[in-house]
Amino acid sequence: MSGPQRPLLRVVKGEPTAEELAALTVVVAALSQRPPRRRPVPVAAWASNADTHRRPLQPGPGGWRASGRFT
């Protein structure tokens, strides 16, 4: 090792007790061991299966429109 290392935590304001510093250290250590969260991948409209759940086809005027994606 070369040179002094910087502290992991530094109190900027106030005077925390030893117990408060210990609690903060435990929380920071636990968060650093957690795997990073992944954002859900957005599903494009063309890949959505929402179109498979549609109302039954209605014969008559406008039936052709109800048979497609146009509602």
PDB file of N, CA and C in Angstrom:
ATOM      1  N   MET A   1       0.833  -1.174   0.000  1.00  0.00           N
ATOM      2  CA  MET A   1       0.000   0.000   0.000  1.00  0.00           C
ATOM      3  C   MET A   1       0.881   1.243   0.000  1.00  0.00           C
ATOM      4  N   SER A   2       0.477   2.237  -0.747  1.00  0.00           N
ATOM      5  CA  SER A   2       1.262   3.449  -0.781  1.00  0.00           C
ATOM      6  C   SER A   2       0.432   4.630  -0.321  1.00  0.00           C
ATOM      7  N   GLY A   3       0.903   5.351   0.654  1.00  0.00           N
ATOM      8  CA  GLY A   3       0.245   6.558   1.136  1.00  0.00           C
ATOM      9  C   GLY A   3      -0.961   6.268   2.004  1.00  0.00           C
ATOM     10  N   PRO A   4      -1.449   7.285   2.697  1.00  0.00           N
ATOM     11  CA  PRO A   4      -2.624   7.105   3.566  1.00  0.00           C
ATOM     12  C   PRO A   4      -3.898   6.991   2.733  1.00  0.00           C
ATOM     13  N   GLN A   5      -4.819   6.200   3.225  1.00  0.00           N
ATOM     14  CA  GLN A   5      -6.103   6.027   2.544  1.00  0.00           C
ATOM     15  C   GLN A   5      -7.113   7.029   3.083  1.00  0.00           C
ATOM     16  N   ARG A   6      -8.043   7.413   2.222  1.00  0.00           N
ATOM     17  CA  ARG A   6      -9.109   8.301   2.655  1.00  0.00           C
ATOM     18  C   ARG A   6     -10.138   7.503   3.449  1.00  0.00           C
ATOM     19  N   PRO A   7     -10.787   8.126   4.434  1.00  0.00           N
ATOM     20  CA  PRO A   7     -11.822   7.409   5.201  1.00  0.00           C
ATOM     21  C   PRO A   7     -13.044   7.122   4.328  1.00  0.00           C
ATOM     22  N   LEU A   8     -13.714   6.025   4.632  1.00  0.00           N
ATOM     23  CA  LEU A   8     -14.915   5.670   3.879  1.00  0.00           C
ATOM     24  C   LEU A   8     -16.074   6.605   4.191  1.00  0.00           C
ATOM     25  N   LEU A   9     -16.200   7.014   5.437  1.00  0.00           N
ATOM     26  CA  LEU A   9     -17.259   7.925   5.855  1.00  0.00           C
ATOM     27  C   LEU A   9     -16.620   9.127   6.547  1.00  0.00           C
ATOM     28  N   ARG A  10     -17.248  10.281   6.352  1.00  0.00           N
ATOM     29  CA  ARG A  10     -16.746  11.491   7.001  1.00  0.00           C
ATOM     30  C   ARG A  10     -17.939  12.270   7.516  1.00  0.00           C
ATOM     31  N   VAL A  11     -17.905  12.678   8.774  1.00  0.00           N
ATOM     32  CA  VAL A  11     -18.965  13.470   9.373  1.00  0.00           C
ATOM     33  C   VAL A  11     -18.720  14.919   8.987  1.00  0.00           C
ATOM     34  N   VAL A  12     -19.695  15.510   8.313  1.00  0.00           N
ATOM     35  CA  VAL A  12     -19.563  16.880   7.840  1.00  0.00           C
ATOM     36  C   VAL A  12     -20.198  17.863   8.814  1.00  0.00           C
ATOM     37  N   LYS A  13     -21.278  17.440   9.436  1.00  0.00           N
ATOM     38  CA  LYS A  13     -21.993  18.342  10.326  1.00  0.00           C
ATOM     39  C   LYS A  13     -22.546  17.550  11.503  1.00  0.00           C
ATOM     40  N   GLY A  14     -22.495  18.100  12.685  1.00  0.00           N
ATOM     41  CA  GLY A  14     -23.033  17.464  13.868  1.00  0.00           C
ATOM     42  C   GLY A  14     -22.003  16.591  14.562  1.00  0.00           C
ATOM     43  N   GLU A  15     -22.433  15.993  15.645  1.00  0.00           N
ATOM     44  CA  GLU A  15     -21.559  15.113  16.428  1.00  0.00           C
ATOM     45  C   GLU A  15     -22.301  13.808  16.708  1.00  0.00           C
ATOM     46  N   PRO A  16     -22.253  12.856  15.784  1.00  0.00           N
ATOM     47  CA  PRO A  16     -22.966  11.589  16.003  1.00  0.00           C
ATOM     48  C   PRO A  16     -22.301  10.766  17.106  1.00  0.00           C
ATOM     49  N   THR A  17     -23.125   9.969  17.764  1.00  0.00           N
ATOM     50  CA  THR A  17     -22.604   9.077  18.796  1.00  0.00           C
ATOM     51  C   THR A  17     -21.956   7.868  18.125  1.00  0.00           C
ATOM     52  N   ALA A  18     -21.262   7.089  18.910  1.00  0.00           N
ATOM     53  CA  ALA A  18     -20.630   5.878  18.386  1.00  0.00           C
ATOM     54  C   ALA A  18     -21.682   4.912  17.845  1.00  0.00           C
ATOM     55  N   GLU A  19     -22.839   4.850  18.505  1.00  0.00           N
ATOM     56  CA  GLU A  19     -23.909   3.965  18.050  1.00  0.00           C
ATOM     57  C   GLU A  19     -24.473   4.435  16.709  1.00  0.00           C
ATOM     58  N   GLU A  20     -24.642   5.741  16.537  1.00  0.00           N
ATOM     59  CA  GLU A  20     -25.149   6.273  15.276  1.00  0.00           C
ATOM     60  C   GLU A  20     -24.170   6.020  14.131  1.00  0.00           C
ATOM     61  N   LEU A  21     -22.890   6.183  14.391  1.00  0.00           N
ATOM     62  CA  LEU A  21     -21.880   5.895  13.375  1.00  0.00           C
ATOM     63  C   LEU A  21     -21.867   4.412  13.020  1.00  0.00           C
ATOM     64  N   ALA A  22     -22.038   3.557  14.035  1.00  0.00           N
ATOM     65  CA  ALA A  22     -22.069   2.114  13.780  1.00  0.00           C
ATOM     66  C   ALA A  22     -23.281   1.751  12.921  1.00  0.00           C
ATOM     67  N   ALA A  23     -24.433   2.348  13.223  1.00  0.00           N
ATOM     68  CA  ALA A  23     -25.642   2.065  12.444  1.00  0.00           C
ATOM     69  C   ALA A  23     -25.471   2.535  11.006  1.00  0.00           C
ATOM     70  N   LEU A  24     -24.907   3.706  10.811  1.00  0.00           N
ATOM     71  CA  LEU A  24     -24.677   4.215   9.464  1.00  0.00           C
ATOM     72  C   LEU A  24     -23.701   3.321   8.702  1.00  0.00           C
ATOM     73  N   THR A  25     -22.663   2.874   9.371  1.00  0.00           N
ATOM     74  CA  THR A  25     -21.682   1.990   8.732  1.00  0.00           C
ATOM     75  C   THR A  25     -22.326   0.681   8.294  1.00  0.00           C
ATOM     76  N   VAL A  26     -23.202   0.126   9.107  1.00  0.00           N
ATOM     77  CA  VAL A  26     -23.877  -1.126   8.757  1.00  0.00           C
ATOM     78  C   VAL A  26     -24.769  -0.923   7.538  1.00  0.00           C
ATOM     79  N   VAL A  27     -25.493   0.181   7.487  1.00  0.00           N
ATOM     80  CA  VAL A  27     -26.387   0.447   6.350  1.00  0.00           C
ATOM     81  C   VAL A  27     -25.586   0.628   5.067  1.00  0.00           C
ATOM     82  N   VAL A  28     -24.513   1.406   5.134  1.00  0.00           N
ATOM     83  CA  VAL A  28     -23.701   1.633   3.936  1.00  0.00           C
ATOM     84  C   VAL A  28     -23.056   0.332   3.474  1.00  0.00           C
ATOM     85  N   ALA A  29     -22.571  -0.479   4.403  1.00  0.00           N
ATOM     86  CA  ALA A  29     -21.957  -1.755   4.038  1.00  0.00           C
ATOM     87  C   ALA A  29     -22.993  -2.693   3.409  1.00  0.00           C
ATOM     88  N   ALA A  30     -24.199  -2.724   3.956  1.00  0.00           N
ATOM     89  CA  ALA A  30     -25.244  -3.599   3.401  1.00  0.00           C
ATOM     90  C   ALA A  30     -25.638  -3.146   2.000  1.00  0.00           C
ATOM     91  N   LEU A  31     -25.756  -1.846   1.781  1.00  0.00           N
ATOM     92  CA  LEU A  31     -26.126  -1.348   0.456  1.00  0.00           C
ATOM     93  C   LEU A  31     -25.023  -1.599  -0.569  1.00  0.00           C
ATOM     94  N   SER A  32     -23.794  -1.598  -0.138  1.00  0.00           N
ATOM     95  CA  SER A  32     -22.702  -1.822  -1.087  1.00  0.00           C
ATOM     96  C   SER A  32     -22.607  -3.286  -1.504  1.00  0.00           C
ATOM     97  N   GLN A  33     -23.180  -4.192  -0.733  1.00  0.00           N
ATOM     98  CA  GLN A  33     -23.147  -5.620  -1.064  1.00  0.00           C
ATOM     99  C   GLN A  33     -24.317  -6.045  -1.936  1.00  0.00           C
ATOM    100  N   ARG A  34     -25.308  -5.186  -2.060  1.00  0.00           N
ATOM    101  CA  ARG A  34     -26.503  -5.502  -2.833  1.00  0.00           C
ATOM    102  C   ARG A  34     -26.217  -5.389  -4.318  1.00  0.00           C
ATOM    103  N   PRO A  35     -26.715  -6.318  -5.127  1.00  0.00           N
ATOM    104  CA  PRO A  35     -26.519  -6.179  -6.579  1.00  0.00           C
ATOM    105  C   PRO A  35     -27.305  -4.977  -7.099  1.00  0.00           C
ATOM    106  N   PRO A  36     -26.824  -4.337  -8.140  1.00  0.00           N
ATOM    107  CA  PRO A  36     -27.545  -3.166  -8.661  1.00  0.00           C
ATOM    108  C   PRO A  36     -28.889  -3.568  -9.254  1.00  0.00           C
ATOM    109  N   ARG A  37     -29.866  -2.679  -9.123  1.00  0.00           N
ATOM    110  CA  ARG A  37     -31.195  -2.937  -9.677  1.00  0.00           C
ATOM    111  C   ARG A  37     -31.157  -2.761 -11.183  1.00  0.00           C
ATOM    112  N   ARG A  38     -31.907  -3.595 -11.855  1.00  0.00           N
ATOM    113  CA  ARG A  38     -32.031  -3.453 -13.304  1.00  0.00           C
ATOM    114  C   ARG A  38     -33.375  -2.856 -13.615  1.00  0.00           C
ATOM    115  N   ARG A  39     -33.390  -1.946 -14.550  1.00  0.00           N
ATOM    116  CA  ARG A  39     -34.645  -1.354 -14.971  1.00  0.00           C
ATOM    117  C   ARG A  39     -35.386  -2.336 -15.867  1.00  0.00           C
ATOM    118  N   PRO A  40     -36.716  -2.408 -15.740  1.00  0.00           N
ATOM    119  CA  PRO A  40     -37.462  -3.292 -16.629  1.00  0.00           C
ATOM    120  C   PRO A  40     -37.366  -2.791 -18.072  1.00  0.00           C
ATOM    121  N   VAL A  41     -37.266  -3.724 -18.971  1.00  0.00           N
ATOM    122  CA  VAL A  41     -37.176  -3.376 -20.386  1.00  0.00           C
ATOM    123  C   VAL A  41     -38.566  -3.028 -20.882  1.00  0.00           C
ATOM    124  N   PRO A  42     -38.763  -1.834 -21.441  1.00  0.00           N
ATOM    125  CA  PRO A  42     -40.091  -1.480 -21.935  1.00  0.00           C
ATOM    126  C   PRO A  42     -40.478  -2.344 -23.133  1.00  0.00           C
ATOM    127  N   VAL A  43     -41.740  -2.720 -23.181  1.00  0.00           N
ATOM    128  CA  VAL A  43     -42.237  -3.549 -24.274  1.00  0.00           C
ATOM    129  C   VAL A  43     -42.850  -2.634 -25.318  1.00  0.00           C
ATOM    130  N   ALA A  44     -42.401  -2.782 -26.538  1.00  0.00           N
ATOM    131  CA  ALA A  44     -42.948  -1.975 -27.619  1.00  0.00           C
ATOM    132  C   ALA A  44     -44.379  -2.417 -27.920  1.00  0.00           C
ATOM    133  N   ALA A  45     -45.126  -1.545 -28.541  1.00  0.00           N
ATOM    134  CA  ALA A  45     -46.528  -1.847 -28.839  1.00  0.00           C
ATOM    135  C   ALA A  45     -46.655  -3.047 -29.767  1.00  0.00           C
ATOM    136  N   TRP A  46     -45.722  -3.213 -30.683  1.00  0.00           N
ATOM    137  CA  TRP A  46     -45.822  -4.338 -31.622  1.00  0.00           C
ATOM    138  C   TRP A  46     -45.572  -5.674 -30.928  1.00  0.00           C
ATOM    139  N   ALA A  47     -44.880  -5.673 -29.786  1.00  0.00           N
ATOM    140  CA  ALA A  47     -44.590  -6.915 -29.080  1.00  0.00           C
ATOM    141  C   ALA A  47     -45.620  -7.210 -27.992  1.00  0.00           C
ATOM    142  N   SER A  48     -46.515  -6.292 -27.746  1.00  0.00           N
ATOM    143  CA  SER A  48     -47.510  -6.465 -26.701  1.00  0.00           C
ATOM    144  C   SER A  48     -48.567  -7.483 -27.130  1.00  0.00           C
ATOM    145  N   ASN A  49     -49.026  -8.286 -26.177  1.00  0.00           N
ATOM    146  CA  ASN A  49     -50.079  -9.252 -26.498  1.00  0.00           C
ATOM    147  C   ASN A  49     -51.465  -8.697 -26.166  1.00  0.00           C
ATOM    148  N   ALA A  50     -51.569  -7.390 -25.988  1.00  0.00           N
ATOM    149  CA  ALA A  50     -52.855  -6.792 -25.652  1.00  0.00           C
ATOM    150  C   ALA A  50     -53.870  -6.974 -26.773  1.00  0.00           C
ATOM    151  N   ASP A  51     -53.399  -7.060 -28.018  1.00  0.00           N
ATOM    152  CA  ASP A  51     -54.325  -7.221 -29.135  1.00  0.00           C
ATOM    153  C   ASP A  51     -54.979  -8.603 -29.166  1.00  0.00           C
ATOM    154  N   THR A  52     -54.402  -9.577 -28.474  1.00  0.00           N
ATOM    155  CA  THR A  52     -55.005 -10.910 -28.467  1.00  0.00           C
ATOM    156  C   THR A  52     -56.229 -10.955 -27.553  1.00  0.00           C
ATOM    157  N   HIS A  53     -56.389  -9.962 -26.700  1.00  0.00           N
ATOM    158  CA  HIS A  53     -57.531  -9.894 -25.789  1.00  0.00           C
ATOM    159  C   HIS A  53     -58.451  -8.781 -26.272  1.00  0.00           C
ATOM    160  N   ARG A  54     -59.308  -9.103 -27.174  1.00  0.00           N
ATOM    161  CA  ARG A  54     -60.202  -8.095 -27.721  1.00  0.00           C
ATOM    162  C   ARG A  54     -61.643  -8.569 -27.616  1.00  0.00           C
ATOM    163  N   ARG A  55     -62.532  -7.645 -27.882  1.00  0.00           N
ATOM    164  CA  ARG A  55     -63.948  -7.971 -27.855  1.00  0.00           C
ATOM    165  C   ARG A  55     -64.287  -8.856 -29.049  1.00  0.00           C
ATOM    166  N   PRO A  56     -65.336  -9.649 -28.966  1.00  0.00           N
ATOM    167  CA  PRO A  56     -65.751 -10.457 -30.122  1.00  0.00           C
ATOM    168  C   PRO A  56     -66.103  -9.563 -31.303  1.00  0.00           C
ATOM    169  N   LEU A  57     -65.921 -10.081 -32.500  1.00  0.00           N
ATOM    170  CA  LEU A  57     -66.217  -9.317 -33.710  1.00  0.00           C
ATOM    171  C   LEU A  57     -67.716  -9.069 -33.824  1.00  0.00           C
ATOM    172  N   GLN A  58     -68.068  -7.898 -34.254  1.00  0.00           N
ATOM    173  CA  GLN A  58     -69.461  -7.516 -34.403  1.00  0.00           C
ATOM    174  C   GLN A  58     -69.766  -7.352 -35.894  1.00  0.00           C
ATOM    175  N   PRO A  59     -70.706  -8.138 -36.441  1.00  0.00           N
ATOM    176  CA  PRO A  59     -71.061  -7.942 -37.850  1.00  0.00           C
ATOM    177  C   PRO A  59     -71.855  -6.649 -38.021  1.00  0.00           C
ATOM    178  N   GLY A  60     -71.773  -6.101 -39.221  1.00  0.00           N
ATOM    179  CA  GLY A  60     -72.535  -4.893 -39.512  1.00  0.00           C
ATOM    180  C   GLY A  60     -71.632  -3.723 -39.829  1.00  0.00           C
ATOM    181  N   PRO A  61     -72.213  -2.541 -39.884  1.00  0.00           N
ATOM    182  CA  PRO A  61     -71.442  -1.361 -40.223  1.00  0.00           C
ATOM    183  C   PRO A  61     -70.300  -1.147 -39.216  1.00  0.00           C
ATOM    184  N   GLY A  62     -69.100  -0.916 -39.738  1.00  0.00           N
ATOM    185  CA  GLY A  62     -67.937  -0.701 -38.872  1.00  0.00           C
ATOM    186  C   GLY A  62     -67.286  -1.985 -38.392  1.00  0.00           C
ATOM    187  N   GLY A  63     -67.773  -3.136 -38.839  1.00  0.00           N
ATOM    188  CA  GLY A  63     -67.202  -4.397 -38.398  1.00  0.00           C
ATOM    189  C   GLY A  63     -65.764  -4.577 -38.842  1.00  0.00           C
ATOM    190  N   TRP A  64     -65.452  -4.075 -40.035  1.00  0.00           N
ATOM    191  CA  TRP A  64     -64.078  -4.199 -40.527  1.00  0.00           C
ATOM    192  C   TRP A  64     -63.119  -3.409 -39.636  1.00  0.00           C
ATOM    193  N   ARG A  65     -63.602  -2.296 -39.124  1.00  0.00           N
ATOM    194  CA  ARG A  65     -62.735  -1.485 -38.247  1.00  0.00           C
ATOM    195  C   ARG A  65     -62.498  -2.210 -36.918  1.00  0.00           C
ATOM    196  N   ALA A  66     -63.498  -2.872 -36.399  1.00  0.00           N
ATOM    197  CA  ALA A  66     -63.372  -3.580 -35.125  1.00  0.00           C
ATOM    198  C   ALA A  66     -62.504  -4.824 -35.277  1.00  0.00           C
ATOM    199  N   SER A  67     -62.310  -5.327 -36.500  1.00  0.00           N
ATOM    200  CA  SER A  67     -61.527  -6.548 -36.682  1.00  0.00           C
ATOM    201  C   SER A  67     -60.028  -6.279 -36.622  1.00  0.00           C
ATOM    202  N   GLY A  68     -59.616  -5.042 -36.741  1.00  0.00           N
ATOM    203  CA  GLY A  68     -58.194  -4.720 -36.717  1.00  0.00           C
ATOM    204  C   GLY A  68     -57.807  -4.057 -35.411  1.00  0.00           C
ATOM    205  N   ARG A  69     -56.713  -3.326 -35.468  1.00  0.00           N
ATOM    206  CA  ARG A  69     -56.234  -2.633 -34.273  1.00  0.00           C
ATOM    207  C   ARG A  69     -57.003  -1.362 -34.022  1.00  0.00           C
ATOM    208  N   PHE A  70     -57.851  -0.954 -34.954  1.00  0.00           N
ATOM    209  CA  PHE A  70     -58.592   0.295 -34.823  1.00  0.00           C
ATOM    210  C   PHE A  70     -59.840   0.050 -34.008  1.00  0.00           C
ATOM    211  N   THR A  71     -59.952   0.675 -32.874  1.00  0.00           N
ATOM    212  CA  THR A  71     -61.144   0.487 -32.037  1.00  0.00           C
ATOM    213  C   THR A  71     -61.821   1.789 -31.767  1.00  0.00           C
TER     214      THR A  71
END
